[in-house]
Amino acid sequence: EREREVLDMVARGLDNRRIARELVLSENTVR
């Protein structure tokens, strides 16, 4: 579910830094 959530955000054009901020994760975790 988390990977699908990240993929949805990637598909919306968000970069890793923005995804990390929105999901309250580290950039490393998003990467």
ModelCIF file with pLDDT and N, C-alpha, C, O atoms, coordinates in Angstrom:
data_MODEL
#
_entry.id   MODEL 
#
_entity.id                         1 
_entity.type                       polymer 
_entity.pdbx_number_of_molecules   1 
#
_entity_poly.entity_id                      1 
_entity_poly.type                           'polypeptide(L)' 
_entity_poly.nstd_linkage                   no 
_entity_poly.nstd_monomer                   no 
_entity_poly.pdbx_seq_one_letter_code       EREREVLDMVARGLDNRRIARELVLSENTVR 
_entity_poly.pdbx_seq_one_letter_code_can   EREREVLDMVARGLDNRRIARELVLSENTVR 
_entity_poly.pdbx_strand_id                 A 
#
loop_
_entity_poly_seq.entity_id 
_entity_poly_seq.num 
_entity_poly_seq.mon_id 
_entity_poly_seq.hetero 
1 1  GLU n 
1 2  ARG n 
1 3  GLU n 
1 4  ARG n 
1 5  GLU n 
1 6  VAL n 
1 7  LEU n 
1 8  ASP n 
1 9  MET n 
1 10 VAL n 
1 11 ALA n 
1 12 ARG n 
1 13 GLY n 
1 14 LEU n 
1 15 ASP n 
1 16 ASN n 
1 17 ARG n 
1 18 ARG n 
1 19 ILE n 
1 20 ALA n 
1 21 ARG n 
1 22 GLU n 
1 23 LEU n 
1 24 VAL n 
1 25 LEU n 
1 26 SER n 
1 27 GLU n 
1 28 ASN n 
1 29 THR n 
1 30 VAL n 
1 31 ARG n 
#
_struct_asym.id          A 
_struct_asym.entity_id   1 
#
loop_
_ma_qa_metric.id 
_ma_qa_metric.mode 
_ma_qa_metric.name 
_ma_qa_metric.software_group_id 
_ma_qa_metric.type 
1 global pLDDT . pLDDT 
2 local  pLDDT . pLDDT 
#
_ma_qa_metric_global.metric_id      1 
_ma_qa_metric_global.metric_value   94.74 
_ma_qa_metric_global.model_id       1 
_ma_qa_metric_global.ordinal_id     1 
#
loop_
_ma_qa_metric_local.label_asym_id 
_ma_qa_metric_local.label_comp_id 
_ma_qa_metric_local.label_seq_id 
_ma_qa_metric_local.metric_id 
_ma_qa_metric_local.metric_value 
_ma_qa_metric_local.model_id 
_ma_qa_metric_local.ordinal_id 
A GLU 1  2 92.00 1 1  
A ARG 2  2 94.00 1 2  
A GLU 3  2 95.00 1 3  
A ARG 4  2 94.00 1 4  
A GLU 5  2 94.00 1 5  
A VAL 6  2 96.00 1 6  
A LEU 7  2 96.00 1 7  
A ASP 8  2 94.00 1 8  
A MET 9  2 95.00 1 9  
A VAL 10 2 96.00 1 10 
A ALA 11 2 94.00 1 11 
A ARG 12 2 94.00 1 12 
A GLY 13 2 94.00 1 13 
A LEU 14 2 95.00 1 14 
A ASP 15 2 96.00 1 15 
A ASN 16 2 96.00 1 16 
A ARG 17 2 96.00 1 17 
A ARG 18 2 96.00 1 18 
A ILE 19 2 95.00 1 19 
A ALA 20 2 95.00 1 20 
A ARG 21 2 94.00 1 21 
A GLU 22 2 93.00 1 22 
A LEU 23 2 92.00 1 23 
A VAL 24 2 93.00 1 24 
A LEU 25 2 93.00 1 25 
A SER 26 2 95.00 1 26 
A GLU 27 2 96.00 1 27 
A ASN 28 2 96.00 1 28 
A THR 29 2 95.00 1 29 
A VAL 30 2 96.00 1 30 
A ARG 31 2 97.00 1 31 
#
loop_
_atom_site.group_PDB 
_atom_site.id 
_atom_site.type_symbol 
_atom_site.label_atom_id 
_atom_site.label_alt_id 
_atom_site.label_comp_id 
_atom_site.label_asym_id 
_atom_site.label_entity_id 
_atom_site.label_seq_id 
_atom_site.pdbx_PDB_ins_code 
_atom_site.Cartn_x 
_atom_site.Cartn_y 
_atom_site.Cartn_z 
_atom_site.occupancy 
_atom_site.B_iso_or_equiv 
_atom_site.pdbx_formal_charge 
_atom_site.auth_seq_id 
_atom_site.auth_comp_id 
_atom_site.auth_asym_id 
_atom_site.auth_atom_id 
_atom_site.pdbx_PDB_model_num 
ATOM 1   N N  . GLU A 1 1  ? 0.842  -1.210 0.000   1.00 92.00 ? 1  GLU A N  1 
ATOM 2   C CA . GLU A 1 1  ? 0.000  0.000  0.000   1.00 92.00 ? 1  GLU A CA 1 
ATOM 3   C C  . GLU A 1 1  ? 0.876  1.259  0.000   1.00 92.00 ? 1  GLU A C  1 
ATOM 4   O O  . GLU A 1 1  ? 0.576  2.225  -0.702  1.00 92.00 ? 1  GLU A O  1 
ATOM 5   N N  . ARG A 1 2  ? 1.953  1.248  0.784   1.00 94.00 ? 2  ARG A N  1 
ATOM 6   C CA . ARG A 1 2  ? 2.836  2.416  0.851   1.00 94.00 ? 2  ARG A CA 1 
ATOM 7   C C  . ARG A 1 2  ? 3.502  2.652  -0.508  1.00 94.00 ? 2  ARG A C  1 
ATOM 8   O O  . ARG A 1 2  ? 3.597  3.790  -0.966  1.00 94.00 ? 2  ARG A O  1 
ATOM 9   N N  . GLU A 1 3  ? 3.962  1.572  -1.150  1.00 95.00 ? 3  GLU A N  1 
ATOM 10  C CA . GLU A 1 3  ? 4.591  1.719  -2.467  1.00 95.00 ? 3  GLU A CA 1 
ATOM 11  C C  . GLU A 1 3  ? 3.588  2.259  -3.483  1.00 95.00 ? 3  GLU A C  1 
ATOM 12  O O  . GLU A 1 3  ? 3.937  3.088  -4.323  1.00 95.00 ? 3  GLU A O  1 
ATOM 13  N N  . ARG A 1 4  ? 2.350  1.793  -3.410  1.00 94.00 ? 4  ARG A N  1 
ATOM 14  C CA . ARG A 1 4  ? 1.317  2.292  -4.326  1.00 94.00 ? 4  ARG A CA 1 
ATOM 15  C C  . ARG A 1 4  ? 1.058  3.777  -4.063  1.00 94.00 ? 4  ARG A C  1 
ATOM 16  O O  . ARG A 1 4  ? 0.854  4.554  -4.997  1.00 94.00 ? 4  ARG A O  1 
ATOM 17  N N  . GLU A 1 5  ? 1.070  4.161  -2.792  1.00 94.00 ? 5  GLU A N  1 
ATOM 18  C CA . GLU A 1 5  ? 0.888  5.563  -2.417  1.00 94.00 ? 5  GLU A CA 1 
ATOM 19  C C  . GLU A 1 5  ? 2.041  6.418  -2.964  1.00 94.00 ? 5  GLU A C  1 
ATOM 20  O O  . GLU A 1 5  ? 1.815  7.505  -3.496  1.00 94.00 ? 5  GLU A O  1 
ATOM 21  N N  . VAL A 1 6  ? 3.257  5.925  -2.831  1.00 96.00 ? 6  VAL A N  1 
ATOM 22  C CA . VAL A 1 6  ? 4.425  6.643  -3.358  1.00 96.00 ? 6  VAL A CA 1 
ATOM 23  C C  . VAL A 1 6  ? 4.347  6.720  -4.876  1.00 96.00 ? 6  VAL A C  1 
ATOM 24  O O  . VAL A 1 6  ? 4.607  7.778  -5.450  1.00 96.00 ? 6  VAL A O  1 
ATOM 25  N N  . LEU A 1 7  ? 3.996  5.623  -5.536  1.00 96.00 ? 7  LEU A N  1 
ATOM 26  C CA . LEU A 1 7  ? 3.883  5.627  -6.997  1.00 96.00 ? 7  LEU A CA 1 
ATOM 27  C C  . LEU A 1 7  ? 2.826  6.626  -7.455  1.00 96.00 ? 7  LEU A C  1 
ATOM 28  O O  . LEU A 1 7  ? 3.025  7.316  -8.455  1.00 96.00 ? 7  LEU A O  1 
ATOM 29  N N  . ASP A 1 8  ? 1.710  6.713  -6.742  1.00 94.00 ? 8  ASP A N  1 
ATOM 30  C CA . ASP A 1 8  ? 0.677  7.693  -7.083  1.00 94.00 ? 8  ASP A CA 1 
ATOM 31  C C  . ASP A 1 8  ? 1.238  9.108  -7.016  1.00 94.00 ? 8  ASP A C  1 
ATOM 32  O O  . ASP A 1 8  ? 0.951  9.935  -7.881  1.00 94.00 ? 8  ASP A O  1 
ATOM 33  N N  . MET A 1 9  ? 2.028  9.380  -6.001  1.00 95.00 ? 9  MET A N  1 
ATOM 34  C CA . MET A 1 9  ? 2.613  10.711 -5.846  1.00 95.00 ? 9  MET A CA 1 
ATOM 35  C C  . MET A 1 9  ? 3.668  10.978 -6.927  1.00 95.00 ? 9  MET A C  1 
ATOM 36  O O  . MET A 1 9  ? 3.773  12.095 -7.432  1.00 95.00 ? 9  MET A O  1 
ATOM 37  N N  . VAL A 1 10 ? 4.437  9.959  -7.274  1.00 96.00 ? 10 VAL A N  1 
ATOM 38  C CA . VAL A 1 10 ? 5.404  10.085 -8.370  1.00 96.00 ? 10 VAL A CA 1 
ATOM 39  C C  . VAL A 1 10 ? 4.658  10.399 -9.659  1.00 96.00 ? 10 VAL A C  1 
ATOM 40  O O  . VAL A 1 10 ? 5.084  11.254 -10.436 1.00 96.00 ? 10 VAL A O  1 
ATOM 41  N N  . ALA A 1 11 ? 3.544  9.706  -9.884  1.00 94.00 ? 11 ALA A N  1 
ATOM 42  C CA . ALA A 1 11 ? 2.747  9.918  -11.098 1.00 94.00 ? 11 ALA A CA 1 
ATOM 43  C C  . ALA A 1 11 ? 2.120  11.308 -11.129 1.00 94.00 ? 11 ALA A C  1 
ATOM 44  O O  . ALA A 1 11 ? 1.809  11.826 -12.202 1.00 94.00 ? 11 ALA A O  1 
ATOM 45  N N  . ARG A 1 12 ? 1.933  11.913 -9.959  1.00 94.00 ? 12 ARG A N  1 
ATOM 46  C CA . ARG A 1 12 ? 1.410  13.284 -9.897  1.00 94.00 ? 12 ARG A CA 1 
ATOM 47  C C  . ARG A 1 12 ? 2.513  14.317 -10.102 1.00 94.00 ? 12 ARG A C  1 
ATOM 48  O O  . ARG A 1 12 ? 2.245  15.518 -10.139 1.00 94.00 ? 12 ARG A O  1 
ATOM 49  N N  . GLY A 1 13 ? 3.756  13.849 -10.234 1.00 94.00 ? 13 GLY A N  1 
ATOM 50  C CA . GLY A 1 13 ? 4.862  14.759 -10.533 1.00 94.00 ? 13 GLY A CA 1 
ATOM 51  C C  . GLY A 1 13 ? 5.656  15.220 -9.333  1.00 94.00 ? 13 GLY A C  1 
ATOM 52  O O  . GLY A 1 13 ? 6.497  16.110 -9.457  1.00 94.00 ? 13 GLY A O  1 
ATOM 53  N N  . LEU A 1 14 ? 5.411  14.640 -8.178  1.00 95.00 ? 14 LEU A N  1 
ATOM 54  C CA . LEU A 1 14 ? 6.151  15.054 -6.985  1.00 95.00 ? 14 LEU A CA 1 
ATOM 55  C C  . LEU A 1 14 ? 7.542  14.434 -6.980  1.00 95.00 ? 14 LEU A C  1 
ATOM 56  O O  . LEU A 1 14 ? 7.724  13.289 -7.395  1.00 95.00 ? 14 LEU A O  1 
ATOM 57  N N  . ASP A 1 15 ? 8.520  15.201 -6.507  1.00 96.00 ? 15 ASP A N  1 
ATOM 58  C CA . ASP A 1 15 ? 9.870  14.653 -6.389  1.00 96.00 ? 15 ASP A CA 1 
ATOM 59  C C  . ASP A 1 15 ? 10.015 13.967 -5.028  1.00 96.00 ? 15 ASP A C  1 
ATOM 60  O O  . ASP A 1 15 ? 9.131  14.068 -4.178  1.00 96.00 ? 15 ASP A O  1 
ATOM 61  N N  . ASN A 1 16 ? 11.121 13.280 -4.833  1.00 96.00 ? 16 ASN A N  1 
ATOM 62  C CA . ASN A 1 16 ? 11.321 12.508 -3.597  1.00 96.00 ? 16 ASN A CA 1 
ATOM 63  C C  . ASN A 1 16 ? 11.261 13.379 -2.348  1.00 96.00 ? 16 ASN A C  1 
ATOM 64  O O  . ASN A 1 16 ? 10.717 12.962 -1.325  1.00 96.00 ? 16 ASN A O  1 
ATOM 65  N N  . ARG A 1 17 ? 11.812 14.577 -2.425  1.00 96.00 ? 17 ARG A N  1 
ATOM 66  C CA . ARG A 1 17 ? 11.823 15.467 -1.259  1.00 96.00 ? 17 ARG A CA 1 
ATOM 67  C C  . ARG A 1 17 ? 10.386 15.824 -0.844  1.00 96.00 ? 17 ARG A C  1 
ATOM 68  O O  . ARG A 1 17 ? 10.043 15.791 0.337   1.00 96.00 ? 17 ARG A O  1 
ATOM 69  N N  . ARG A 1 18 ? 9.563  16.163 -1.833  1.00 96.00 ? 18 ARG A N  1 
ATOM 70  C CA . ARG A 1 18 ? 8.165  16.532 -1.554  1.00 96.00 ? 18 ARG A CA 1 
ATOM 71  C C  . ARG A 1 18 ? 7.374  15.330 -1.035  1.00 96.00 ? 18 ARG A C  1 
ATOM 72  O O  . ARG A 1 18 ? 6.567  15.467 -0.115  1.00 96.00 ? 18 ARG A O  1 
ATOM 73  N N  . ILE A 1 19 ? 7.603  14.159 -1.621  1.00 95.00 ? 19 ILE A N  1 
ATOM 74  C CA . ILE A 1 19 ? 6.932  12.946 -1.145  1.00 95.00 ? 19 ILE A CA 1 
ATOM 75  C C  . ILE A 1 19 ? 7.314  12.680 0.307   1.00 95.00 ? 19 ILE A C  1 
ATOM 76  O O  . ILE A 1 19 ? 6.460  12.350 1.130   1.00 95.00 ? 19 ILE A O  1 
ATOM 77  N N  . ALA A 1 20 ? 8.597  12.825 0.615   1.00 95.00 ? 20 ALA A N  1 
ATOM 78  C CA . ALA A 1 20 ? 9.077  12.602 1.988   1.00 95.00 ? 20 ALA A CA 1 
ATOM 79  C C  . ALA A 1 20 ? 8.385  13.557 2.956   1.00 95.00 ? 20 ALA A C  1 
ATOM 80  O O  . ALA A 1 20 ? 7.956  13.140 4.032   1.00 95.00 ? 20 ALA A O  1 
ATOM 81  N N  . ARG A 1 21 ? 8.274  14.825 2.589   1.00 94.00 ? 21 ARG A N  1 
ATOM 82  C CA . ARG A 1 21 ? 7.610  15.806 3.451   1.00 94.00 ? 21 ARG A CA 1 
ATOM 83  C C  . ARG A 1 21 ? 6.143  15.440 3.673   1.00 94.00 ? 21 ARG A C  1 
ATOM 84  O O  . ARG A 1 21 ? 5.656  15.465 4.803   1.00 94.00 ? 21 ARG A O  1 
ATOM 85  N N  . GLU A 1 22 ? 5.439  15.099 2.585   1.00 93.00 ? 22 GLU A N  1 
ATOM 86  C CA . GLU A 1 22 ? 4.007  14.819 2.697   1.00 93.00 ? 22 GLU A CA 1 
ATOM 87  C C  . GLU A 1 22 ? 3.710  13.540 3.470   1.00 93.00 ? 22 GLU A C  1 
ATOM 88  O O  . GLU A 1 22 ? 2.692  13.453 4.156   1.00 93.00 ? 22 GLU A O  1 
ATOM 89  N N  . LEU A 1 23 ? 4.587  12.552 3.364   1.00 92.00 ? 23 LEU A N  1 
ATOM 90  C CA . LEU A 1 23 ? 4.362  11.274 4.053   1.00 92.00 ? 23 LEU A CA 1 
ATOM 91  C C  . LEU A 1 23 ? 5.091  11.188 5.392   1.00 92.00 ? 23 LEU A C  1 
ATOM 92  O O  . LEU A 1 23 ? 5.008  10.181 6.094   1.00 92.00 ? 23 LEU A O  1 
ATOM 93  N N  . VAL A 1 24 ? 5.811  12.271 5.736   1.00 93.00 ? 24 VAL A N  1 
ATOM 94  C CA . VAL A 1 24 ? 6.599  12.330 6.964   1.00 93.00 ? 24 VAL A CA 1 
ATOM 95  C C  . VAL A 1 24 ? 7.561  11.142 7.018   1.00 93.00 ? 24 VAL A C  1 
ATOM 96  O O  . VAL A 1 24 ? 7.566  10.354 7.964   1.00 93.00 ? 24 VAL A O  1 
ATOM 97  N N  . LEU A 1 25 ? 8.373  11.047 5.966   1.00 93.00 ? 25 LEU A N  1 
ATOM 98  C CA . LEU A 1 25 ? 9.403  10.014 5.835   1.00 93.00 ? 25 LEU A CA 1 
ATOM 99  C C  . LEU A 1 25 ? 10.717 10.692 5.514   1.00 93.00 ? 25 LEU A C  1 
ATOM 100 O O  . LEU A 1 25 ? 10.739 11.866 5.145   1.00 93.00 ? 25 LEU A O  1 
ATOM 101 N N  . SER A 1 26 ? 11.809 9.966  5.651   1.00 95.00 ? 26 SER A N  1 
ATOM 102 C CA . SER A 1 26 ? 13.096 10.509 5.217   1.00 95.00 ? 26 SER A CA 1 
ATOM 103 C C  . SER A 1 26 ? 13.191 10.356 3.698   1.00 95.00 ? 26 SER A C  1 
ATOM 104 O O  . SER A 1 26 ? 12.530 9.500  3.111   1.00 95.00 ? 26 SER A O  1 
ATOM 105 N N  . GLU A 1 27 ? 14.009 11.182 3.075   1.00 96.00 ? 27 GLU A N  1 
ATOM 106 C CA . GLU A 1 27 ? 14.220 11.067 1.628   1.00 96.00 ? 27 GLU A CA 1 
ATOM 107 C C  . GLU A 1 27 ? 14.822 9.705  1.282   1.00 96.00 ? 27 GLU A C  1 
ATOM 108 O O  . GLU A 1 27 ? 14.516 9.136  0.234   1.00 96.00 ? 27 GLU A O  1 
ATOM 109 N N  . ASN A 1 28 ? 15.680 9.182  2.164   1.00 96.00 ? 28 ASN A N  1 
ATOM 110 C CA . ASN A 1 28 ? 16.262 7.860  1.946   1.00 96.00 ? 28 ASN A CA 1 
ATOM 111 C C  . ASN A 1 28 ? 15.185 6.784  1.857   1.00 96.00 ? 28 ASN A C  1 
ATOM 112 O O  . ASN A 1 28 ? 15.241 5.906  0.996   1.00 96.00 ? 28 ASN A O  1 
ATOM 113 N N  . THR A 1 29 ? 14.207 6.861  2.752   1.00 95.00 ? 29 THR A N  1 
ATOM 114 C CA . THR A 1 29 ? 13.118 5.884  2.746   1.00 95.00 ? 29 THR A CA 1 
ATOM 115 C C  . THR A 1 29 ? 12.319 5.987  1.449   1.00 95.00 ? 29 THR A C  1 
ATOM 116 O O  . THR A 1 29 ? 11.967 4.971  0.849   1.00 95.00 ? 29 THR A O  1 
ATOM 117 N N  . VAL A 1 30 ? 12.039 7.199  1.025   1.00 96.00 ? 30 VAL A N  1 
ATOM 118 C CA . VAL A 1 30 ? 11.303 7.393  -0.235  1.00 96.00 ? 30 VAL A CA 1 
ATOM 119 C C  . VAL A 1 30 ? 12.121 6.843  -1.395  1.00 96.00 ? 30 VAL A C  1 
ATOM 120 O O  . VAL A 1 30 ? 11.580 6.171  -2.274  1.00 96.00 ? 30 VAL A O  1 
ATOM 121 N N  . ARG A 1 31 ? 13.412 7.121  -1.403  1.00 97.00 ? 31 ARG A N  1 
ATOM 122 C CA . ARG A 1 31 ? 14.298 6.605  -2.464  1.00 97.00 ? 31 ARG A CA 1 
ATOM 123 C C  . ARG A 1 31 ? 14.257 5.080  -2.502  1.00 97.00 ? 31 ARG A C  1 
ATOM 124 O O  . ARG A 1 31 ? 14.934 4.465  -3.325  1.00 97.00 ? 31 ARG A O  1 
#
